[in-house]
Amino acid sequence: MGKDTFSDITGLPDDLGIGDDLARADQRASIRVDTRRYGKPVTVVDGLDLPADELDALASTLKRRLAVGGTVTDGRIELQGEHGERLEAALRDEGFGVER
């Protein structure tokens, strides 16, 4: 049989994924709206300390949930349009704390 590995955060087996959930809950995403060329609003999610692949996956989830386009640039998620409360709710559903 394989040897179990345990989370440094919870002391529970890594297979449960509880440490990942707690790590997300400790992070605070900041949401702001910037204006780009031609006065178009872009909602920016910043402050998440995630590996690039997890940040890309989160961006895909948010884009799908909000039905918008967007990208990941310089460690932040940029979504086309203004999405204050809906984005905040989506991030909370994904387990992140949010500050505005």
PDB file of N, CA and C in Angstrom:
ATOM      1  N   MET A   1       0.832  -1.182   0.000  1.00  0.00           N
ATOM      2  CA  MET A   1       0.000   0.000   0.000  1.00  0.00           C
ATOM      3  C   MET A   1       0.877   1.246   0.000  1.00  0.00           C
ATOM      4  N   GLY A   2       0.334   2.354  -0.533  1.00  0.00           N
ATOM      5  CA  GLY A   2       1.055   3.612  -0.586  1.00  0.00           C
ATOM      6  C   GLY A   2       1.069   4.319   0.750  1.00  0.00           C
ATOM      7  N   LYS A   3       2.028   5.169   0.889  1.00  0.00           N
ATOM      8  CA  LYS A   3       2.158   5.924   2.128  1.00  0.00           C
ATOM      9  C   LYS A   3       1.356   7.210   2.017  1.00  0.00           C
ATOM     10  N   ASP A   4       0.502   7.478   3.026  1.00  0.00           N
ATOM     11  CA  ASP A   4      -0.314   8.693   3.023  1.00  0.00           C
ATOM     12  C   ASP A   4       0.546   9.899   3.363  1.00  0.00           C
ATOM     13  N   THR A   5       0.232  11.031   2.738  1.00  0.00           N
ATOM     14  CA  THR A   5       0.865  12.291   3.097  1.00  0.00           C
ATOM     15  C   THR A   5      -0.172  13.140   3.817  1.00  0.00           C
ATOM     16  N   PHE A   6       0.316  13.973   4.725  1.00  0.00           N
ATOM     17  CA  PHE A   6      -0.593  14.747   5.554  1.00  0.00           C
ATOM     18  C   PHE A   6      -0.366  16.233   5.362  1.00  0.00           C
ATOM     19  N   SER A   7      -1.434  16.999   5.494  1.00  0.00           N
ATOM     20  CA  SER A   7      -1.406  18.444   5.328  1.00  0.00           C
ATOM     21  C   SER A   7      -0.674  19.113   6.484  1.00  0.00           C
ATOM     22  N   ASP A   8       0.159  20.105   6.154  1.00  0.00           N
ATOM     23  CA  ASP A   8       0.823  20.891   7.191  1.00  0.00           C
ATOM     24  C   ASP A   8      -0.174  21.772   7.935  1.00  0.00           C
ATOM     25  N   ILE A   9      -1.273  22.100   7.275  1.00  0.00           N
ATOM     26  CA  ILE A   9      -2.262  23.011   7.861  1.00  0.00           C
ATOM     27  C   ILE A   9      -3.194  22.281   8.814  1.00  0.00           C
ATOM     28  N   THR A  10      -3.738  21.143   8.378  1.00  0.00           N
ATOM     29  CA  THR A  10      -4.761  20.459   9.165  1.00  0.00           C
ATOM     30  C   THR A  10      -4.272  19.210   9.869  1.00  0.00           C
ATOM     31  N   GLY A  11      -3.188  18.605   9.354  1.00  0.00           N
ATOM     32  CA  GLY A  11      -2.730  17.339   9.901  1.00  0.00           C
ATOM     33  C   GLY A  11      -3.519  16.155   9.381  1.00  0.00           C
ATOM     34  N   LEU A  12      -4.489  16.413   8.514  1.00  0.00           N
ATOM     35  CA  LEU A  12      -5.314  15.359   7.920  1.00  0.00           C
ATOM     36  C   LEU A  12      -4.701  14.916   6.596  1.00  0.00           C
ATOM     37  N   PRO A  13      -5.096  13.736   6.100  1.00  0.00           N
ATOM     38  CA  PRO A  13      -4.558  13.272   4.812  1.00  0.00           C
ATOM     39  C   PRO A  13      -4.823  14.273   3.684  1.00  0.00           C
ATOM     40  N   ASP A  14      -3.794  14.475   2.837  1.00  0.00           N
ATOM     41  CA  ASP A  14      -3.920  15.396   1.705  1.00  0.00           C
ATOM     42  C   ASP A  14      -5.031  14.989   0.756  1.00  0.00           C
ATOM     43  N   ASP A  15      -5.338  13.697   0.689  1.00  0.00           N
ATOM     44  CA  ASP A  15      -6.368  13.199  -0.229  1.00  0.00           C
ATOM     45  C   ASP A  15      -7.728  13.844   0.026  1.00  0.00           C
ATOM     46  N   LEU A  16      -7.970  14.300   1.238  1.00  0.00           N
ATOM     47  CA  LEU A  16      -9.260  14.913   1.564  1.00  0.00           C
ATOM     48  C   LEU A  16      -9.413  16.302   0.956  1.00  0.00           C
ATOM     49  N   GLY A  17      -8.307  16.997   0.685  1.00  0.00           N
ATOM     50  CA  GLY A  17      -8.368  18.319   0.071  1.00  0.00           C
ATOM     51  C   GLY A  17      -8.798  19.432   1.006  1.00  0.00           C
ATOM     52  N   ILE A  18      -8.852  19.156   2.296  1.00  0.00           N
ATOM     53  CA  ILE A  18      -9.306  20.163   3.251  1.00  0.00           C
ATOM     54  C   ILE A  18      -8.294  21.298   3.376  1.00  0.00           C
ATOM     55  N   GLY A  19      -7.014  20.968   3.302  1.00  0.00           N
ATOM     56  CA  GLY A  19      -5.978  21.999   3.385  1.00  0.00           C
ATOM     57  C   GLY A  19      -6.109  23.011   2.262  1.00  0.00           C
ATOM     58  N   ASP A  20      -6.487  22.557   1.041  1.00  0.00           N
ATOM     59  CA  ASP A  20      -6.681  23.461  -0.091  1.00  0.00           C
ATOM     60  C   ASP A  20      -7.832  24.422   0.178  1.00  0.00           C
ATOM     61  N   ASP A  21      -8.920  23.892   0.746  1.00  0.00           N
ATOM     62  CA  ASP A  21     -10.074  24.738   1.060  1.00  0.00           C
ATOM     63  C   ASP A  21      -9.713  25.795   2.091  1.00  0.00           C
ATOM     64  N   LEU A  22      -8.960  25.400   3.120  1.00  0.00           N
ATOM     65  CA  LEU A  22      -8.563  26.354   4.153  1.00  0.00           C
ATOM     66  C   LEU A  22      -7.597  27.393   3.608  1.00  0.00           C
ATOM     67  N   ALA A  23      -6.694  26.972   2.730  1.00  0.00           N
ATOM     68  CA  ALA A  23      -5.752  27.916   2.129  1.00  0.00           C
ATOM     69  C   ALA A  23      -6.504  28.954   1.307  1.00  0.00           C
ATOM     70  N   ARG A  24      -7.547  28.534   0.600  1.00  0.00           N
ATOM     71  CA  ARG A  24      -8.356  29.478  -0.172  1.00  0.00           C
ATOM     72  C   ARG A  24      -9.095  30.441   0.748  1.00  0.00           C
ATOM     73  N   ALA A  25      -9.631  29.928   1.839  1.00  0.00           N
ATOM     74  CA  ALA A  25     -10.399  30.770   2.760  1.00  0.00           C
ATOM     75  C   ALA A  25      -9.524  31.846   3.396  1.00  0.00           C
ATOM     76  N   ASP A  26      -8.226  31.566   3.544  1.00  0.00           N
ATOM     77  CA  ASP A  26      -7.312  32.543   4.129  1.00  0.00           C
ATOM     78  C   ASP A  26      -6.970  33.667   3.164  1.00  0.00           C
ATOM     79  N   GLN A  27      -7.189  33.465   1.873  1.00  0.00           N
ATOM     80  CA  GLN A  27      -6.835  34.483   0.883  1.00  0.00           C
ATOM     81  C   GLN A  27      -7.959  35.496   0.718  1.00  0.00           C
ATOM     82  N   ARG A  28      -7.580  36.733   0.484  1.00  0.00           N
ATOM     83  CA  ARG A  28      -8.544  37.807   0.260  1.00  0.00           C
ATOM     84  C   ARG A  28      -8.368  38.337  -1.155  1.00  0.00           C
ATOM     85  N   ALA A  29      -9.381  38.161  -1.957  1.00  0.00           N
ATOM     86  CA  ALA A  29      -9.363  38.692  -3.322  1.00  0.00           C
ATOM     87  C   ALA A  29      -9.861  40.128  -3.278  1.00  0.00           C
ATOM     88  N   SER A  30      -9.196  41.006  -3.997  1.00  0.00           N
ATOM     89  CA  SER A  30      -9.691  42.374  -4.090  1.00  0.00           C
ATOM     90  C   SER A  30     -10.280  42.565  -5.482  1.00  0.00           C
ATOM     91  N   ILE A  31     -11.423  43.227  -5.513  1.00  0.00           N
ATOM     92  CA  ILE A  31     -12.146  43.467  -6.768  1.00  0.00           C
ATOM     93  C   ILE A  31     -12.184  44.965  -7.017  1.00  0.00           C
ATOM     94  N   ARG A  32     -11.832  45.354  -8.235  1.00  0.00           N
ATOM     95  CA  ARG A  32     -11.944  46.766  -8.615  1.00  0.00           C
ATOM     96  C   ARG A  32     -12.320  46.832 -10.089  1.00  0.00           C
ATOM     97  N   VAL A  33     -12.857  47.965 -10.489  1.00  0.00           N
ATOM     98  CA  VAL A  33     -13.232  48.178 -11.892  1.00  0.00           C
ATOM     99  C   VAL A  33     -12.316  49.244 -12.469  1.00  0.00           C
ATOM    100  N   ASP A  34     -11.638  48.893 -13.557  1.00  0.00           N
ATOM    101  CA  ASP A  34     -10.798  49.832 -14.297  1.00  0.00           C
ATOM    102  C   ASP A  34     -11.517  50.197 -15.588  1.00  0.00           C
ATOM    103  N   THR A  35     -11.109  51.312 -16.166  1.00  0.00           N
ATOM    104  CA  THR A  35     -11.646  51.711 -17.467  1.00  0.00           C
ATOM    105  C   THR A  35     -10.529  51.577 -18.491  1.00  0.00           C
ATOM    106  N   ARG A  36     -10.843  50.906 -19.572  1.00  0.00           N
ATOM    107  CA  ARG A  36      -9.856  50.690 -20.629  1.00  0.00           C
ATOM    108  C   ARG A  36     -10.171  51.575 -21.816  1.00  0.00           C
ATOM    109  N   ARG A  37      -9.528  51.261 -22.892  1.00  0.00           N
ATOM    110  CA  ARG A  37      -9.690  52.050 -24.102  1.00  0.00           C
ATOM    111  C   ARG A  37     -11.171  52.188 -24.487  1.00  0.00           C
ATOM    112  N   TYR A  38     -11.527  53.337 -24.963  1.00  0.00           N
ATOM    113  CA  TYR A  38     -12.895  53.667 -25.384  1.00  0.00           C
ATOM    114  C   TYR A  38     -13.890  53.619 -24.233  1.00  0.00           C
ATOM    115  N   GLY A  39     -13.412  53.754 -22.994  1.00  0.00           N
ATOM    116  CA  GLY A  39     -14.300  53.820 -21.837  1.00  0.00           C
ATOM    117  C   GLY A  39     -14.910  52.491 -21.426  1.00  0.00           C
ATOM    118  N   LYS A  40     -14.373  51.379 -21.900  1.00  0.00           N
ATOM    119  CA  LYS A  40     -14.924  50.057 -21.571  1.00  0.00           C
ATOM    120  C   LYS A  40     -14.491  49.651 -20.161  1.00  0.00           C
ATOM    121  N   PRO A  41     -15.447  49.202 -19.313  1.00  0.00           N
ATOM    122  CA  PRO A  41     -15.086  48.759 -17.964  1.00  0.00           C
ATOM    123  C   PRO A  41     -14.498  47.347 -17.977  1.00  0.00           C
ATOM    124  N   VAL A  42     -13.515  47.126 -17.107  1.00  0.00           N
ATOM    125  CA  VAL A  42     -12.907  45.812 -16.910  1.00  0.00           C
ATOM    126  C   VAL A  42     -12.840  45.577 -15.406  1.00  0.00           C
ATOM    127  N   THR A  43     -13.384  44.453 -14.950  1.00  0.00           N
ATOM    128  CA  THR A  43     -13.326  44.110 -13.541  1.00  0.00           C
ATOM    129  C   THR A  43     -12.059  43.301 -13.292  1.00  0.00           C
ATOM    130  N   VAL A  44     -11.260  43.737 -12.315  1.00  0.00           N
ATOM    131  CA  VAL A  44      -9.978  43.114 -12.029  1.00  0.00           C
ATOM    132  C   VAL A  44     -10.042  42.431 -10.660  1.00  0.00           C
ATOM    133  N   VAL A  45      -9.647  41.157 -10.633  1.00  0.00           N
ATOM    134  CA  VAL A  45      -9.539  40.390  -9.392  1.00  0.00           C
ATOM    135  C   VAL A  45      -8.055  40.240  -9.103  1.00  0.00           C
ATOM    136  N   ASP A  46      -7.633  40.759  -7.974  1.00  0.00           N
ATOM    137  CA  ASP A  46      -6.208  40.772  -7.628  1.00  0.00           C
ATOM    138  C   ASP A  46      -6.027  40.245  -6.211  1.00  0.00           C
ATOM    139  N   GLY A  47      -4.802  39.918  -5.862  1.00  0.00           N
ATOM    140  CA  GLY A  47      -4.502  39.530  -4.491  1.00  0.00           C
ATOM    141  C   GLY A  47      -4.581  38.045  -4.209  1.00  0.00           C
ATOM    142  N   LEU A  48      -4.761  37.220  -5.233  1.00  0.00           N
ATOM    143  CA  LEU A  48      -4.815  35.781  -5.022  1.00  0.00           C
ATOM    144  C   LEU A  48      -3.435  35.179  -5.231  1.00  0.00           C
ATOM    145  N   ASP A  49      -2.982  34.429  -4.259  1.00  0.00           N
ATOM    146  CA  ASP A  49      -1.676  33.790  -4.333  1.00  0.00           C
ATOM    147  C   ASP A  49      -1.875  32.334  -4.745  1.00  0.00           C
ATOM    148  N   LEU A  50      -2.096  32.136  -6.042  1.00  0.00           N
ATOM    149  CA  LEU A  50      -2.339  30.805  -6.590  1.00  0.00           C
ATOM    150  C   LEU A  50      -1.318  30.498  -7.673  1.00  0.00           C
ATOM    151  N   PRO A  51      -0.976  29.217  -7.853  1.00  0.00           N
ATOM    152  CA  PRO A  51      -0.141  28.850  -8.993  1.00  0.00           C
ATOM    153  C   PRO A  51      -0.842  29.209 -10.299  1.00  0.00           C
ATOM    154  N   ALA A  52      -0.073  29.393 -11.352  1.00  0.00           N
ATOM    155  CA  ALA A  52      -0.614  29.842 -12.639  1.00  0.00           C
ATOM    156  C   ALA A  52      -1.733  28.939 -13.147  1.00  0.00           C
ATOM    157  N   ASP A  53      -1.583  27.625 -13.019  1.00  0.00           N
ATOM    158  CA  ASP A  53      -2.617  26.725 -13.534  1.00  0.00           C
ATOM    159  C   ASP A  53      -3.918  26.843 -12.750  1.00  0.00           C
ATOM    160  N   GLU A  54      -3.835  27.035 -11.432  1.00  0.00           N
ATOM    161  CA  GLU A  54      -5.048  27.214 -10.626  1.00  0.00           C
ATOM    162  C   GLU A  54      -5.701  28.560 -10.911  1.00  0.00           C
ATOM    163  N   LEU A  55      -4.892  29.589 -11.148  1.00  0.00           N
ATOM    164  CA  LEU A  55      -5.434  30.905 -11.481  1.00  0.00           C
ATOM    165  C   LEU A  55      -6.159  30.850 -12.828  1.00  0.00           C
ATOM    166  N   ASP A  56      -5.575  30.147 -13.803  1.00  0.00           N
ATOM    167  CA  ASP A  56      -6.233  29.964 -15.109  1.00  0.00           C
ATOM    168  C   ASP A  56      -7.549  29.209 -14.958  1.00  0.00           C
ATOM    169  N   ALA A  57      -7.554  28.166 -14.130  1.00  0.00           N
ATOM    170  CA  ALA A  57      -8.774  27.390 -13.913  1.00  0.00           C
ATOM    171  C   ALA A  57      -9.850  28.233 -13.237  1.00  0.00           C
ATOM    172  N   LEU A  58      -9.460  29.054 -12.257  1.00  0.00           N
ATOM    173  CA  LEU A  58     -10.418  29.937 -11.585  1.00  0.00           C
ATOM    174  C   LEU A  58     -10.971  30.961 -12.567  1.00  0.00           C
ATOM    175  N   ALA A  59     -10.101  31.520 -13.406  1.00  0.00           N
ATOM    176  CA  ALA A  59     -10.553  32.486 -14.410  1.00  0.00           C
ATOM    177  C   ALA A  59     -11.567  31.845 -15.351  1.00  0.00           C
ATOM    178  N   SER A  60     -11.309  30.615 -15.783  1.00  0.00           N
ATOM    179  CA  SER A  60     -12.246  29.913 -16.668  1.00  0.00           C
ATOM    180  C   SER A  60     -13.588  29.697 -15.988  1.00  0.00           C
ATOM    181  N   THR A  61     -13.547  29.318 -14.716  1.00  0.00           N
ATOM    182  CA  THR A  61     -14.782  29.118 -13.957  1.00  0.00           C
ATOM    183  C   THR A  61     -15.574  30.417 -13.853  1.00  0.00           C
ATOM    184  N   LEU A  62     -14.886  31.513 -13.526  1.00  0.00           N
ATOM    185  CA  LEU A  62     -15.569  32.806 -13.385  1.00  0.00           C
ATOM    186  C   LEU A  62     -16.129  33.281 -14.720  1.00  0.00           C
ATOM    187  N   LYS A  63     -15.370  33.127 -15.792  1.00  0.00           N
ATOM    188  CA  LYS A  63     -15.849  33.552 -17.118  1.00  0.00           C
ATOM    189  C   LYS A  63     -17.081  32.768 -17.520  1.00  0.00           C
ATOM    190  N   ARG A  64     -17.064  31.468 -17.264  1.00  0.00           N
ATOM    191  CA  ARG A  64     -18.212  30.628 -17.606  1.00  0.00           C
ATOM    192  C   ARG A  64     -19.428  31.000 -16.758  1.00  0.00           C
ATOM    193  N   ARG A  65     -19.199  31.191 -15.462  1.00  0.00           N
ATOM    194  CA  ARG A  65     -20.307  31.496 -14.551  1.00  0.00           C
ATOM    195  C   ARG A  65     -20.938  32.864 -14.846  1.00  0.00           C
ATOM    196  N   LEU A  66     -20.112  33.845 -15.207  1.00  0.00           N
ATOM    197  CA  LEU A  66     -20.614  35.194 -15.469  1.00  0.00           C
ATOM    198  C   LEU A  66     -20.926  35.425 -16.947  1.00  0.00           C
ATOM    199  N   ALA A  67     -20.596  34.444 -17.792  1.00  0.00           N
ATOM    200  CA  ALA A  67     -20.834  34.537 -19.239  1.00  0.00           C
ATOM    201  C   ALA A  67     -20.168  35.771 -19.845  1.00  0.00           C
ATOM    202  N   VAL A  68     -18.859  35.898 -19.542  1.00  0.00           N
ATOM    203  CA  VAL A  68     -18.087  37.034 -20.053  1.00  0.00           C
ATOM    204  C   VAL A  68     -16.742  36.542 -20.576  1.00  0.00           C
ATOM    205  N   GLY A  69     -16.073  37.407 -21.309  1.00  0.00           N
ATOM    206  CA  GLY A  69     -14.709  37.129 -21.730  1.00  0.00           C
ATOM    207  C   GLY A  69     -13.747  37.654 -20.689  1.00  0.00           C
ATOM    208  N   GLY A  70     -12.513  37.214 -20.780  1.00  0.00           N
ATOM    209  CA  GLY A  70     -11.516  37.699 -19.839  1.00  0.00           C
ATOM    210  C   GLY A  70     -10.191  37.008 -20.054  1.00  0.00           C
ATOM    211  N   THR A  71      -9.232  37.365 -19.198  1.00  0.00           N
ATOM    212  CA  THR A  71      -7.886  36.818 -19.315  1.00  0.00           C
ATOM    213  C   THR A  71      -7.191  36.860 -17.960  1.00  0.00           C
ATOM    214  N   VAL A  72      -6.065  36.172 -17.878  1.00  0.00           N
ATOM    215  CA  VAL A  72      -5.188  36.258 -16.715  1.00  0.00           C
ATOM    216  C   VAL A  72      -3.937  37.001 -17.171  1.00  0.00           C
ATOM    217  N   THR A  73      -3.633  38.113 -16.504  1.00  0.00           N
ATOM    218  CA  THR A  73      -2.472  38.929 -16.849  1.00  0.00           C
ATOM    219  C   THR A  73      -1.727  39.322 -15.582  1.00  0.00           C
ATOM    220  N   ASP A  74      -0.438  39.047 -15.547  1.00  0.00           N
ATOM    221  CA  ASP A  74       0.418  39.440 -14.417  1.00  0.00           C
ATOM    222  C   ASP A  74      -0.146  38.999 -13.071  1.00  0.00           C
ATOM    223  N   GLY A  75      -0.685  37.794 -12.982  1.00  0.00           N
ATOM    224  CA  GLY A  75      -1.175  37.261 -11.723  1.00  0.00           C
ATOM    225  C   GLY A  75      -2.520  37.790 -11.275  1.00  0.00           C
ATOM    226  N   ARG A  76      -3.235  38.441 -12.171  1.00  0.00           N
ATOM    227  CA  ARG A  76      -4.583  38.924 -11.832  1.00  0.00           C
ATOM    228  C   ARG A  76      -5.556  38.510 -12.932  1.00  0.00           C
ATOM    229  N   ILE A  77      -6.819  38.388 -12.551  1.00  0.00           N
ATOM    230  CA  ILE A  77      -7.868  38.010 -13.493  1.00  0.00           C
ATOM    231  C   ILE A  77      -8.571  39.278 -13.950  1.00  0.00           C
ATOM    232  N   GLU A  78      -8.701  39.445 -15.265  1.00  0.00           N
ATOM    233  CA  GLU A  78      -9.405  40.598 -15.837  1.00  0.00           C
ATOM    234  C   GLU A  78     -10.621  40.084 -16.593  1.00  0.00           C
ATOM    235  N   LEU A  79     -11.789  40.587 -16.209  1.00  0.00           N
ATOM    236  CA  LEU A  79     -13.050  40.181 -16.828  1.00  0.00           C
ATOM    237  C   LEU A  79     -13.679  41.377 -17.533  1.00  0.00           C
ATOM    238  N   GLN A  80     -14.161  41.159 -18.729  1.00  0.00           N
ATOM    239  CA  GLN A  80     -14.789  42.237 -19.492  1.00  0.00           C
ATOM    240  C   GLN A  80     -16.092  42.647 -18.829  1.00  0.00           C
ATOM    241  N   GLY A  81     -16.272  43.951 -18.627  1.00  0.00           N
ATOM    242  CA  GLY A  81     -17.502  44.485 -18.051  1.00  0.00           C
ATOM    243  C   GLY A  81     -17.377  44.732 -16.550  1.00  0.00           C
ATOM    244  N   GLU A  82     -18.485  45.156 -15.968  1.00  0.00           N
ATOM    245  CA  GLU A  82     -18.556  45.479 -14.545  1.00  0.00           C
ATOM    246  C   GLU A  82     -19.405  44.423 -13.847  1.00  0.00           C
ATOM    247  N   HIS A  83     -18.827  43.703 -12.878  1.00  0.00           N
ATOM    248  CA  HIS A  83     -19.493  42.531 -12.298  1.00  0.00           C
ATOM    249  C   HIS A  83     -19.419  42.486 -10.783  1.00  0.00           C
ATOM    250  N   GLY A  84     -19.564  43.588 -10.113  1.00  0.00           N
ATOM    251  CA  GLY A  84     -19.389  43.696  -8.670  1.00  0.00           C
ATOM    252  C   GLY A  84     -19.969  42.578  -7.824  1.00  0.00           C
ATOM    253  N   GLU A  85     -21.259  42.583  -7.563  1.00  0.00           N
ATOM    254  CA  GLU A  85     -21.870  41.647  -6.624  1.00  0.00           C
ATOM    255  C   GLU A  85     -21.884  40.222  -7.148  1.00  0.00           C
ATOM    256  N   ARG A  86     -22.125  40.040  -8.439  1.00  0.00           N
ATOM    257  CA  ARG A  86     -22.140  38.682  -9.011  1.00  0.00           C
ATOM    258  C   ARG A  86     -20.767  38.035  -8.901  1.00  0.00           C
ATOM    259  N   LEU A  87     -19.722  38.807  -9.156  1.00  0.00           N
ATOM    260  CA  LEU A  87     -18.363  38.286  -9.061  1.00  0.00           C
ATOM    261  C   LEU A  87     -18.007  37.987  -7.616  1.00  0.00           C
ATOM    262  N   GLU A  88     -18.393  38.862  -6.722  1.00  0.00           N
ATOM    263  CA  GLU A  88     -18.132  38.643  -5.300  1.00  0.00           C
ATOM    264  C   GLU A  88     -18.777  37.338  -4.830  1.00  0.00           C
ATOM    265  N   ALA A  89     -20.030  37.110  -5.224  1.00  0.00           N
ATOM    266  CA  ALA A  89     -20.733  35.874  -4.859  1.00  0.00           C
ATOM    267  C   ALA A  89     -20.044  34.653  -5.459  1.00  0.00           C
ATOM    268  N   ALA A  90     -19.592  34.759  -6.713  1.00  0.00           N
ATOM    269  CA  ALA A  90     -18.920  33.635  -7.369  1.00  0.00           C
ATOM    270  C   ALA A  90     -17.609  33.300  -6.661  1.00  0.00           C
ATOM    271  N   LEU A  91     -16.839  34.310  -6.266  1.00  0.00           N
ATOM    272  CA  LEU A  91     -15.594  34.065  -5.557  1.00  0.00           C
ATOM    273  C   LEU A  91     -15.834  33.440  -4.189  1.00  0.00           C
ATOM    274  N   ARG A  92     -16.861  33.910  -3.496  1.00  0.00           N
ATOM    275  CA  ARG A  92     -17.196  33.325  -2.194  1.00  0.00           C
ATOM    276  C   ARG A  92     -17.616  31.864  -2.358  1.00  0.00           C
ATOM    277  N   ASP A  93     -18.368  31.562  -3.417  1.00  0.00           N
ATOM    278  CA  ASP A  93     -18.765  30.177  -3.692  1.00  0.00           C
ATOM    279  C   ASP A  93     -17.553  29.293  -3.956  1.00  0.00           C
ATOM    280  N   GLU A  94     -16.499  29.876  -4.505  1.00  0.00           N
ATOM    281  CA  GLU A  94     -15.263  29.128  -4.773  1.00  0.00           C
ATOM    282  C   GLU A  94     -14.377  29.038  -3.526  1.00  0.00           C
ATOM    283  N   GLY A  95     -14.808  29.668  -2.427  1.00  0.00           N
ATOM    284  CA  GLY A  95     -14.093  29.537  -1.153  1.00  0.00           C
ATOM    285  C   GLY A  95     -13.145  30.667  -0.816  1.00  0.00           C
ATOM    286  N   PHE A  96     -13.189  31.786  -1.543  1.00  0.00           N
ATOM    287  CA  PHE A  96     -12.287  32.905  -1.289  1.00  0.00           C
ATOM    288  C   PHE A  96     -12.980  33.988  -0.487  1.00  0.00           C
ATOM    289  N   GLY A  97     -12.228  34.675   0.350  1.00  0.00           N
ATOM    290  CA  GLY A  97     -12.706  35.891   0.991  1.00  0.00           C
ATOM    291  C   GLY A  97     -12.581  37.030  -0.003  1.00  0.00           C
ATOM    292  N   VAL A  98     -13.432  38.039   0.126  1.00  0.00           N
ATOM    293  CA  VAL A  98     -13.440  39.136  -0.840  1.00  0.00           C
ATOM    294  C   VAL A  98     -13.438  40.472  -0.119  1.00  0.00           C
ATOM    295  N   GLU A  99     -12.642  41.406  -0.632  1.00  0.00           N
ATOM    296  CA  GLU A  99     -12.680  42.786  -0.167  1.00  0.00           C
ATOM    297  C   GLU A  99     -12.856  43.685  -1.367  1.00  0.00           C
ATOM    298  N   ARG A 100     -13.607  44.737  -1.163  1.00  0.00           N
ATOM    299  CA  ARG A 100     -13.880  45.666  -2.284  1.00  0.00           C
ATOM    300  C   ARG A 100     -13.327  47.016  -1.988  1.00  0.00           C
TER     301      ARG A 100
END
